[in-house]
Amino acid sequence: MKPGNKILLVEDEETLAIGLVFNLTEEGYSVTWAKDGKQALAFYNSNEYDLIILDIMLPYVDGFEIAEIVRDKSPQMPILMLTARAGVEDKVKGLEFGADDYMTKPFHLKEILLRVSGMLKRKSWYKEATTNQPVYSFGGNKINFENLECSNNSGKFKLTQKEAMVLKYLIDNKEKIISRKELIEKVWHMNPEIETRTVDNFIVRLRKYFEPNPSEPIYFKSVRSVGYLFSLNK
């Protein structure tokens, strides 16, 4: 994290927002607080930010719609989504609309500060990692790592930033077995003791996008009890 990273906090719960603004500012971030969806979009359209912390339940425009708008305009913008509901459906919907990470209220202050720091590190790493090879093709698939636009034999689609990061790390380490722990440390920049099922879910999504038959993968291979391997050797 570099001092002065700009964060847009979108949260209508005043007590929570004031606490987050104070603590994020203490960490060296520059924080803009939007109290509703309309204000959030106005701030976003007139300023540049390095990360967005986004509540789902908001007046006027909800977090899902904001995430979709942001992701369309700024595909590499890190989005941390907040919600008071712990349901799996909200989490899946948030990821589908472009959120990179997800936290359920109430949460510990230390945890959200670690998440923010990790997301900014990922953004910096990804920017450097895509400079020399912004476009990559394999097996009828084409990925543009700058705008996250992809194409396969079925048509065009977009990745989320986190999906692109996982894919980029696997491609950069082609033919090498990558453990779940390594992916969490290098891509998530988090403690590898967190739930590793998260990694498995991302691999399932990459197979869905890029494998001719996702149930019989030829590119994204599982190595039992170890991790995953991106391979072009069929």
Foldseek 3Di string as FASTA:
>chain_A
DDAAAEEEEEAQPVVVVVVLCVVVVVVRYHYDYHNFDVSSVVDPVVDDGQEYEAEQDGPPDGRLVVLLVCCQVQQLHAYEYEYQDPDPVVVVSSVVSAHPHYDHPPDDPVVVVQQVVLSSVLSVVLVVLCPVPQWDDDDQKIARSRSQWIAHPVGIDGHHNLLSLLVSVQVVVAPDFDFLLNCCCPNSVDHSVPDSVVVVVSLLVVLVVDAPDSVDRDAWDADPPGGTHGYNPD
